Amino acid sequence: MTSMRISQLAERSGVPATTLRYYESAGLLPADRTPSGYRLYGEDAVERLAFIGAAKHLGLPLEEIGALLRVWEAGACKEVKADLRPRIAARLAEAETRAAELAAFTASLHGALAHLDALPDRTGRCDPECGFLSPAPSAGGGQLVDVALAPSRRAAEEEGAERWHTASAACSLTGVGLHERTVQWREAVDGATRAPVPEGLRLTLPVERTAKVAELAAAEQRCCPFFDFRLRLDGSCLHLEVRAPADGAALLADLFGPTA
């Protein structure tokens, strides 16, 4: 059997060596060792990485890919198919939900732009009379240019109780899933200008990242409903405010960095 060092496997597969090491630590890519401790991989590692890449392309988290790999290793295609189908169906349902959320957000942005273009060019300061400070609602009834994603907090406010502050700040993601989400957030907010706000922080980003940030915020609400997200568009900038109750401050810092 042909053996490859990690650098050779990285070149063959196109997967960075750092990722190969991480896959090994996650139990997805076993490696032999030379007496001096260097990793060695057989030809089957290339096929294994192709399988992992295909599964990641379907949106499967590494925890599920690990379970699917164990079925794949058994060699029965029909068992892989039976295991994979409900996983894809679940991802499809999530994608359709995100698509609906993003479609509503996109519609609100189009409405905000049209509303802004229709405003007269006044020479004075903006005030409620000019219309910009109280924009018209979008077709779906949502707020233009200022989008809040915090269903648990909104419900608390409607009931007149601040349950958001006392809700348990627990994330349903663990292990590899939490690691992946953290990496996604850090990539999305890389280079942001930061400023503290009460109970959280404000990140200012290029407006081109709006869709990605909105998608991540919507996904975060499903696993961490205690987070309060607010997105505000300001010309070429996107301002993202993230807040959490006191017992969620540590997780907020893990995802977005220190608030001060």
C-alpha atoms as a PDB file:
ATOM      1  CA  MET A   1       0.000   0.000   0.000  1.00  0.00           C
ATOM      2  CA  THR A   2       1.298   3.439  -0.959  1.00  0.00           C
ATOM      3  CA  SER A   3       1.989   5.641   2.029  1.00  0.00           C
ATOM      4  CA  MET A   4       1.857   9.416   1.969  1.00  0.00           C
ATOM      5  CA  ARG A   5       3.062  12.036   4.393  1.00  0.00           C
ATOM      6  CA  ILE A   6       0.566  14.686   5.422  1.00  0.00           C
ATOM      7  CA  SER A   7       2.023  17.218   2.965  1.00  0.00           C
ATOM      8  CA  GLN A   8       1.613  14.752   0.096  1.00  0.00           C
ATOM      9  CA  LEU A   9      -1.976  13.976   1.061  1.00  0.00           C
ATOM     10  CA  ALA A  10      -2.738  17.684   1.309  1.00  0.00           C
ATOM     11  CA  GLU A  11      -1.383  18.190  -2.223  1.00  0.00           C
ATOM     12  CA  ARG A  12      -3.286  15.191  -3.623  1.00  0.00           C
ATOM     13  CA  SER A  13      -6.596  16.027  -1.976  1.00  0.00           C
ATOM     14  CA  GLY A  14      -6.508  19.815  -1.922  1.00  0.00           C
ATOM     15  CA  VAL A  15      -7.309  19.734   1.798  1.00  0.00           C
ATOM     16  CA  PRO A  16      -4.931  21.840   3.948  1.00  0.00           C
ATOM     17  CA  ALA A  17      -2.683  19.977   6.373  1.00  0.00           C
ATOM     18  CA  THR A  18      -4.210  21.881   9.299  1.00  0.00           C
ATOM     19  CA  THR A  19      -7.628  20.522   8.333  1.00  0.00           C
ATOM     20  CA  LEU A  20      -6.232  16.997   7.983  1.00  0.00           C
ATOM     21  CA  ARG A  21      -4.883  17.197  11.523  1.00  0.00           C
ATOM     22  CA  TYR A  22      -8.231  18.467  12.761  1.00  0.00           C
ATOM     23  CA  TYR A  23     -10.065  15.636  10.987  1.00  0.00           C
ATOM     24  CA  GLU A  24      -7.767  13.166  12.741  1.00  0.00           C
ATOM     25  CA  SER A  25      -8.471  14.731  16.155  1.00  0.00           C
ATOM     26  CA  ALA A  26     -12.221  14.534  15.375  1.00  0.00           C
ATOM     27  CA  GLY A  27     -11.921  10.826  14.545  1.00  0.00           C
ATOM     28  CA  LEU A  28     -12.711  11.245  10.829  1.00  0.00           C
ATOM     29  CA  LEU A  29      -9.312  10.489   9.288  1.00  0.00           C
ATOM     30  CA  PRO A  30      -7.144   7.832  10.960  1.00  0.00           C
ATOM     31  CA  ALA A  31      -3.404   7.915  10.336  1.00  0.00           C
ATOM     32  CA  ASP A  32      -0.539   5.538  10.941  1.00  0.00           C
ATOM     33  CA  ARG A  33       2.690   6.788  12.466  1.00  0.00           C
ATOM     34  CA  THR A  34       6.339   6.278  11.597  1.00  0.00           C
ATOM     35  CA  PRO A  35       8.744   5.427  14.434  1.00  0.00           C
ATOM     36  CA  SER A  36       9.662   9.116  14.496  1.00  0.00           C
ATOM     37  CA  GLY A  37       6.023  10.159  14.805  1.00  0.00           C
ATOM     38  CA  TYR A  38       5.224  11.345  11.266  1.00  0.00           C
ATOM     39  CA  ARG A  39       1.709  10.692   9.997  1.00  0.00           C
ATOM     40  CA  LEU A  40       1.292   8.198   7.159  1.00  0.00           C
ATOM     41  CA  TYR A  41      -1.802   7.762   4.990  1.00  0.00           C
ATOM     42  CA  GLY A  42      -2.789   5.138   2.430  1.00  0.00           C
ATOM     43  CA  GLU A  43      -4.536   5.656  -0.906  1.00  0.00           C
ATOM     44  CA  ASP A  44      -7.884   5.111   0.808  1.00  0.00           C
ATOM     45  CA  ALA A  45      -7.415   8.454   2.602  1.00  0.00           C
ATOM     46  CA  VAL A  46      -7.953  10.314  -0.698  1.00  0.00           C
ATOM     47  CA  GLU A  47     -11.275   8.548  -1.247  1.00  0.00           C
ATOM     48  CA  ARG A  48     -12.223   9.124   2.384  1.00  0.00           C
ATOM     49  CA  LEU A  49     -11.547  12.852   2.075  1.00  0.00           C
ATOM     50  CA  ALA A  50     -13.629  13.000  -1.090  1.00  0.00           C
ATOM     51  CA  PHE A  51     -16.510  11.413   0.845  1.00  0.00           C
ATOM     52  CA  ILE A  52     -16.082  13.899   3.697  1.00  0.00           C
ATOM     53  CA  GLY A  53     -15.986  16.788   1.225  1.00  0.00           C
ATOM     54  CA  ALA A  54     -19.163  15.605  -0.496  1.00  0.00           C
ATOM     55  CA  ALA A  55     -20.943  15.292   2.853  1.00  0.00           C
ATOM     56  CA  LYS A  56     -19.797  18.775   3.926  1.00  0.00           C
ATOM     57  CA  HIS A  57     -21.066  20.159   0.613  1.00  0.00           C
ATOM     58  CA  LEU A  58     -24.512  18.877   1.635  1.00  0.00           C
ATOM     59  CA  GLY A  59     -24.249  20.913   4.836  1.00  0.00           C
ATOM     60  CA  LEU A  60     -23.716  17.985   7.202  1.00  0.00           C
ATOM     61  CA  PRO A  61     -21.819  18.850  10.406  1.00  0.00           C
ATOM     62  CA  LEU A  62     -18.717  16.831  11.197  1.00  0.00           C
ATOM     63  CA  GLU A  63     -20.466  14.928  13.995  1.00  0.00           C
ATOM     64  CA  GLU A  64     -22.978  13.542  11.495  1.00  0.00           C
ATOM     65  CA  ILE A  65     -20.274  12.918   8.913  1.00  0.00           C
ATOM     66  CA  GLY A  66     -18.466  10.771  11.479  1.00  0.00           C
ATOM     67  CA  ALA A  67     -21.591   8.647  11.969  1.00  0.00           C
ATOM     68  CA  LEU A  68     -22.092   8.417   8.207  1.00  0.00           C
ATOM     69  CA  LEU A  69     -18.459   7.365   7.694  1.00  0.00           C
ATOM     70  CA  ARG A  70     -18.980   4.405   9.991  1.00  0.00           C
ATOM     71  CA  VAL A  71     -21.870   3.272   7.778  1.00  0.00           C
ATOM     72  CA  TRP A  72     -19.809   3.925   4.636  1.00  0.00           C
ATOM     73  CA  GLU A  73     -16.939   1.838   5.977  1.00  0.00           C
ATOM     74  CA  ALA A  74     -19.259  -1.167   6.190  1.00  0.00           C
ATOM     75  CA  GLY A  75     -19.323  -1.098   2.403  1.00  0.00           C
ATOM     76  CA  ALA A  76     -23.091  -1.428   1.775  1.00  0.00           C
ATOM     77  CA  CYS A  77     -24.256   1.353  -0.518  1.00  0.00           C
ATOM     78  CA  LYS A  78     -27.921   0.833   0.344  1.00  0.00           C
ATOM     79  CA  GLU A  79     -27.158   1.399   4.042  1.00  0.00           C
ATOM     80  CA  VAL A  80     -25.330   4.631   3.245  1.00  0.00           C
ATOM     81  CA  LYS A  81     -28.325   5.727   1.179  1.00  0.00           C
ATOM     82  CA  ALA A  82     -30.769   4.861   3.965  1.00  0.00           C
ATOM     83  CA  ASP A  83     -28.681   6.749   6.527  1.00  0.00           C
ATOM     84  CA  LEU A  84     -28.054   9.751   4.275  1.00  0.00           C
ATOM     85  CA  ARG A  85     -31.588  10.422   3.051  1.00  0.00           C
ATOM     86  CA  PRO A  86     -33.134  11.666   6.343  1.00  0.00           C
ATOM     87  CA  ARG A  87     -30.040  13.781   6.995  1.00  0.00           C
ATOM     88  CA  ILE A  88     -30.408  15.502   3.611  1.00  0.00           C
ATOM     89  CA  ALA A  89     -34.147  15.936   4.192  1.00  0.00           C
ATOM     90  CA  ALA A  90     -33.430  17.660   7.513  1.00  0.00           C
ATOM     91  CA  ARG A  91     -30.873  19.980   5.894  1.00  0.00           C
ATOM     92  CA  LEU A  92     -33.355  20.753   3.120  1.00  0.00           C
ATOM     93  CA  ALA A  93     -35.978  21.766   5.662  1.00  0.00           C
ATOM     94  CA  GLU A  94     -33.458  24.020   7.414  1.00  0.00           C
ATOM     95  CA  ALA A  95     -32.344  25.533   4.096  1.00  0.00           C
ATOM     96  CA  GLU A  96     -35.930  26.272   3.102  1.00  0.00           C
ATOM     97  CA  THR A  97     -36.504  27.987   6.442  1.00  0.00           C
ATOM     98  CA  ARG A  98     -33.369  30.087   6.019  1.00  0.00           C
ATOM     99  CA  ALA A  99     -34.338  30.869   2.425  1.00  0.00           C
ATOM    100  CA  ALA A 100     -37.705  32.172   3.599  1.00  0.00           C
ATOM    101  CA  GLU A 101     -36.050  34.286   6.290  1.00  0.00           C
ATOM    102  CA  LEU A 102     -33.519  35.674   3.828  1.00  0.00           C
ATOM    103  CA  ALA A 103     -36.206  36.304   1.209  1.00  0.00           C
ATOM    104  CA  ALA A 104     -38.146  38.369   3.752  1.00  0.00           C
ATOM    105  CA  PHE A 105     -34.989  40.234   4.724  1.00  0.00           C
ATOM    106  CA  THR A 106     -34.095  40.839   1.062  1.00  0.00           C
ATOM    107  CA  ALA A 107     -37.590  42.174   0.420  1.00  0.00           C
ATOM    108  CA  SER A 108     -37.218  44.568   3.359  1.00  0.00           C
ATOM    109  CA  LEU A 109     -33.904  45.801   1.945  1.00  0.00           C
ATOM    110  CA  HIS A 110     -35.470  46.415  -1.476  1.00  0.00           C
ATOM    111  CA  GLY A 111     -38.275  48.285   0.245  1.00  0.00           C
ATOM    112  CA  ALA A 112     -35.804  50.330   2.274  1.00  0.00           C
ATOM    113  CA  LEU A 113     -33.878  51.280  -0.873  1.00  0.00           C
ATOM    114  CA  ALA A 114     -37.031  52.255  -2.758  1.00  0.00           C
ATOM    115  CA  HIS A 115     -38.254  54.260   0.236  1.00  0.00           C
ATOM    116  CA  LEU A 116     -34.911  56.029   0.529  1.00  0.00           C
ATOM    117  CA  ASP A 117     -34.816  56.883  -3.176  1.00  0.00           C
ATOM    118  CA  ALA A 118     -38.326  58.337  -2.953  1.00  0.00           C
ATOM    119  CA  LEU A 119     -37.436  60.761  -0.157  1.00  0.00           C
ATOM    120  CA  PRO A 120     -36.894  64.397  -1.165  1.00  0.00           C
ATOM    121  CA  ASP A 121     -33.362  65.785  -1.071  1.00  0.00           C
ATOM    122  CA  ARG A 122     -33.739  68.196   1.833  1.00  0.00           C
ATOM    123  CA  THR A 123     -30.903  70.499   2.820  1.00  0.00           C
ATOM    124  CA  GLY A 124     -31.707  70.390   6.524  1.00  0.00           C
ATOM    125  CA  ARG A 125     -30.981  67.713   9.121  1.00  0.00           C
ATOM    126  CA  CYS A 126     -32.952  64.471   9.124  1.00  0.00           C
ATOM    127  CA  ASP A 127     -35.992  64.603  11.385  1.00  0.00           C
ATOM    128  CA  PRO A 128     -39.316  62.737  11.629  1.00  0.00           C
ATOM    129  CA  GLU A 129     -40.815  65.012   8.961  1.00  0.00           C
ATOM    130  CA  CYS A 130     -38.462  63.780   6.268  1.00  0.00           C
ATOM    131  CA  GLY A 131     -39.667  60.207   6.668  1.00  0.00           C
ATOM    132  CA  PHE A 132     -36.312  58.464   6.942  1.00  0.00           C
ATOM    133  CA  LEU A 133     -36.414  58.184  10.737  1.00  0.00           C
ATOM    134  CA  SER A 134     -39.757  56.353  10.562  1.00  0.00           C
ATOM    135  CA  PRO A 135     -39.591  54.256   7.383  1.00  0.00           C
ATOM    136  CA  ALA A 136     -42.671  52.590   6.016  1.00  0.00           C
ATOM    137  CA  PRO A 137     -43.136  48.885   6.813  1.00  0.00           C
ATOM    138  CA  SER A 138     -42.278  46.291   4.213  1.00  0.00           C
ATOM    139  CA  ALA A 139     -44.876  44.100   2.526  1.00  0.00           C
ATOM    140  CA  GLY A 140     -44.428  41.495   5.240  1.00  0.00           C
ATOM    141  CA  GLY A 141     -44.950  44.073   7.995  1.00  0.00           C
ATOM    142  CA  GLY A 142     -41.314  44.005   9.081  1.00  0.00           C
ATOM    143  CA  GLN A 143     -39.077  46.942   9.917  1.00  0.00           C
ATOM    144  CA  LEU A 144     -36.963  48.317   7.114  1.00  0.00           C
ATOM    145  CA  VAL A 145     -33.157  48.721   7.403  1.00  0.00           C
ATOM    146  CA  ASP A 146     -33.298  47.580  11.040  1.00  0.00           C
ATOM    147  CA  VAL A 147     -33.853  43.877  11.589  1.00  0.00           C
ATOM    148  CA  ALA A 148     -34.083  42.274  15.016  1.00  0.00           C
ATOM    149  CA  LEU A 149     -33.638  38.544  15.471  1.00  0.00           C
ATOM    150  CA  ALA A 150     -34.556  37.711  19.043  1.00  0.00           C
ATOM    151  CA  PRO A 151     -37.883  35.839  19.228  1.00  0.00           C
ATOM    152  CA  SER A 152     -37.496  34.921  22.869  1.00  0.00           C
ATOM    153  CA  ARG A 153     -36.885  38.522  23.878  1.00  0.00           C
ATOM    154  CA  ARG A 154     -39.722  39.880  21.745  1.00  0.00           C
ATOM    155  CA  ALA A 155     -42.111  37.422  23.362  1.00  0.00           C
ATOM    156  CA  ALA A 156     -40.962  38.544  26.796  1.00  0.00           C
ATOM    157  CA  GLU A 157     -41.536  42.178  25.939  1.00  0.00           C
ATOM    158  CA  GLU A 158     -45.013  41.454  24.567  1.00  0.00           C
ATOM    159  CA  GLU A 159     -45.920  39.794  27.857  1.00  0.00           C
ATOM    160  CA  GLY A 160     -44.414  42.678  29.822  1.00  0.00           C
ATOM    161  CA  ALA A 161     -41.767  40.514  31.483  1.00  0.00           C
ATOM    162  CA  GLU A 162     -38.021  40.475  30.959  1.00  0.00           C
ATOM    163  CA  ARG A 163     -37.690  36.703  30.761  1.00  0.00           C
ATOM    164  CA  TRP A 164     -34.801  37.154  28.341  1.00  0.00           C
ATOM    165  CA  HIS A 165     -32.542  38.147  31.228  1.00  0.00           C
ATOM    166  CA  THR A 166     -33.418  35.066  33.246  1.00  0.00           C
ATOM    167  CA  ALA A 167     -33.547  32.490  30.427  1.00  0.00           C
ATOM    168  CA  SER A 168     -30.994  29.702  30.615  1.00  0.00           C
ATOM    169  CA  ALA A 169     -28.053  30.603  28.370  1.00  0.00           C
ATOM    170  CA  ALA A 170     -27.384  27.117  27.058  1.00  0.00           C
ATOM    171  CA  CYS A 171     -26.404  26.274  23.471  1.00  0.00           C
ATOM    172  CA  SER A 172     -27.770  23.084  21.922  1.00  0.00           C
ATOM    173  CA  LEU A 173     -24.611  22.704  19.790  1.00  0.00           C
ATOM    174  CA  THR A 174     -21.703  20.741  21.236  1.00  0.00           C
ATOM    175  CA  GLY A 175     -18.307  19.467  20.188  1.00  0.00           C
ATOM    176  CA  VAL A 176     -17.547  19.687  16.490  1.00  0.00           C
ATOM    177  CA  GLY A 177     -20.829  21.455  15.710  1.00  0.00           C
ATOM    178  CA  LEU A 178     -20.013  24.265  18.123  1.00  0.00           C
ATOM    179  CA  HIS A 179     -16.480  24.491  16.740  1.00  0.00           C
ATOM    180  CA  GLU A 180     -17.780  24.808  13.162  1.00  0.00           C
ATOM    181  CA  ARG A 181     -20.267  27.514  14.121  1.00  0.00           C
ATOM    182  CA  THR A 182     -17.522  29.443  15.949  1.00  0.00           C
ATOM    183  CA  VAL A 183     -15.279  29.286  12.863  1.00  0.00           C
ATOM    184  CA  GLN A 184     -18.167  30.493  10.654  1.00  0.00           C
ATOM    185  CA  TRP A 185     -18.823  33.486  12.900  1.00  0.00           C
ATOM    186  CA  ARG A 186     -15.163  34.436  13.148  1.00  0.00           C
ATOM    187  CA  GLU A 187     -14.832  34.343   9.363  1.00  0.00           C
ATOM    188  CA  ALA A 188     -18.023  36.401   8.930  1.00  0.00           C
ATOM    189  CA  VAL A 189     -16.949  39.158  11.341  1.00  0.00           C
ATOM    190  CA  ASP A 190     -13.232  39.141  10.532  1.00  0.00           C
ATOM    191  CA  GLY A 191     -11.858  42.681  10.441  1.00  0.00           C
ATOM    192  CA  ALA A 192     -14.976  44.229  11.987  1.00  0.00           C
ATOM    193  CA  THR A 193     -14.802  47.492  13.904  1.00  0.00           C
ATOM    194  CA  ARG A 194     -15.902  46.747  17.470  1.00  0.00           C
ATOM    195  CA  ALA A 195     -17.637  48.824  20.122  1.00  0.00           C
ATOM    196  CA  PRO A 196     -19.213  47.771  23.438  1.00  0.00           C
ATOM    197  CA  VAL A 197     -22.964  48.189  23.967  1.00  0.00           C
ATOM    198  CA  PRO A 198     -25.004  47.332  27.077  1.00  0.00           C
ATOM    199  CA  GLU A 199     -24.941  43.537  27.556  1.00  0.00           C
ATOM    200  CA  GLY A 200     -22.986  42.970  24.357  1.00  0.00           C
ATOM    201  CA  LEU A 201     -21.120  44.564  21.480  1.00  0.00           C
ATOM    202  CA  ARG A 202     -21.582  46.219  18.103  1.00  0.00           C
ATOM    203  CA  LEU A 203     -19.658  44.996  15.069  1.00  0.00           C
ATOM    204  CA  THR A 204     -19.435  47.209  11.977  1.00  0.00           C
ATOM    205  CA  LEU A 205     -18.858  45.339   8.723  1.00  0.00           C
ATOM    206  CA  PRO A 206     -19.027  45.895   4.944  1.00  0.00           C
ATOM    207  CA  VAL A 207     -22.646  45.798   3.782  1.00  0.00           C
ATOM    208  CA  GLU A 208     -21.745  42.971   1.378  1.00  0.00           C
ATOM    209  CA  ARG A 209     -21.649  40.590   4.345  1.00  0.00           C
ATOM    210  CA  THR A 210     -25.302  41.218   5.234  1.00  0.00           C
ATOM    211  CA  ALA A 211     -26.678  37.989   3.731  1.00  0.00           C
ATOM    212  CA  LYS A 212     -24.048  35.798   5.436  1.00  0.00           C
ATOM    213  CA  VAL A 213     -24.459  37.507   8.806  1.00  0.00           C
ATOM    214  CA  ALA A 214     -28.263  37.310   8.599  1.00  0.00           C
ATOM    215  CA  GLU A 215     -28.071  33.600   7.741  1.00  0.00           C
ATOM    216  CA  LEU A 216     -25.755  32.882  10.675  1.00  0.00           C
ATOM    217  CA  ALA A 217     -27.893  34.953  13.068  1.00  0.00           C
ATOM    218  CA  ALA A 218     -31.012  33.032  12.028  1.00  0.00           C
ATOM    219  CA  ALA A 219     -29.199  29.713  12.536  1.00  0.00           C
ATOM    220  CA  GLU A 220     -27.857  30.887  15.908  1.00  0.00           C
ATOM    221  CA  GLN A 221     -31.391  31.648  17.085  1.00  0.00           C
ATOM    222  CA  ARG A 222     -32.288  27.979  16.704  1.00  0.00           C
ATOM    223  CA  CYS A 223     -29.509  26.743  18.989  1.00  0.00           C
ATOM    224  CA  CYS A 224     -29.030  29.811  21.223  1.00  0.00           C
ATOM    225  CA  PRO A 225     -32.398  31.619  21.496  1.00  0.00           C
ATOM    226  CA  PHE A 226     -31.103  33.731  24.378  1.00  0.00           C
ATOM    227  CA  PHE A 227     -28.995  35.822  21.969  1.00  0.00           C
ATOM    228  CA  ASP A 228     -30.427  39.178  20.857  1.00  0.00           C
ATOM    229  CA  PHE A 229     -29.317  40.085  17.300  1.00  0.00           C
ATOM    230  CA  ARG A 230     -29.988  43.424  15.643  1.00  0.00           C
ATOM    231  CA  LEU A 231     -28.839  44.279  12.125  1.00  0.00           C
ATOM    232  CA  ARG A 232     -28.807  47.881  10.955  1.00  0.00           C
ATOM    233  CA  LEU A 233     -27.815  49.068   7.484  1.00  0.00           C
ATOM    234  CA  ASP A 234     -26.037  52.384   7.163  1.00  0.00           C
ATOM    235  CA  GLY A 235     -24.949  53.120   3.605  1.00  0.00           C
ATOM    236  CA  SER A 236     -21.953  50.899   2.855  1.00  0.00           C
ATOM    237  CA  CYS A 237     -21.856  49.538   6.424  1.00  0.00           C
ATOM    238  CA  LEU A 238     -23.694  46.827   8.316  1.00  0.00           C
ATOM    239  CA  HIS A 239     -23.931  47.281  12.085  1.00  0.00           C
ATOM    240  CA  LEU A 240     -24.495  44.027  13.962  1.00  0.00           C
ATOM    241  CA  GLU A 241     -25.407  44.313  17.631  1.00  0.00           C
ATOM    242  CA  VAL A 242     -25.276  41.121  19.694  1.00  0.00           C
ATOM    243  CA  ARG A 243     -26.469  40.937  23.287  1.00  0.00           C
ATOM    244  CA  ALA A 244     -26.763  38.131  25.808  1.00  0.00           C
ATOM    245  CA  PRO A 245     -27.915  37.809  29.428  1.00  0.00           C
ATOM    246  CA  ALA A 246     -25.262  37.652  32.124  1.00  0.00           C
ATOM    247  CA  ASP A 247     -24.882  33.872  32.077  1.00  0.00           C
ATOM    248  CA  GLY A 248     -24.460  33.935  28.290  1.00  0.00           C
ATOM    249  CA  ALA A 249     -21.592  36.442  28.321  1.00  0.00           C
ATOM    250  CA  ALA A 250     -18.928  33.724  28.129  1.00  0.00           C
ATOM    251  CA  LEU A 251     -20.463  32.161  25.014  1.00  0.00           C
ATOM    252  CA  LEU A 252     -20.884  35.586  23.433  1.00  0.00           C
ATOM    253  CA  ALA A 253     -17.171  36.240  24.008  1.00  0.00           C
ATOM    254  CA  ASP A 254     -16.238  32.816  22.586  1.00  0.00           C
ATOM    255  CA  LEU A 255     -18.144  33.524  19.354  1.00  0.00           C
ATOM    256  CA  PHE A 256     -17.460  37.222  18.849  1.00  0.00           C
ATOM    257  CA  GLY A 257     -14.544  38.101  21.117  1.00  0.00           C
ATOM    258  CA  PRO A 258     -14.478  40.216  24.288  1.00  0.00           C
ATOM    259  CA  THR A 259     -17.092  42.938  24.615  1.00  0.00           C
ATOM    260  CA  ALA A 260     -14.678  45.480  26.056  1.00  0.00           C
END
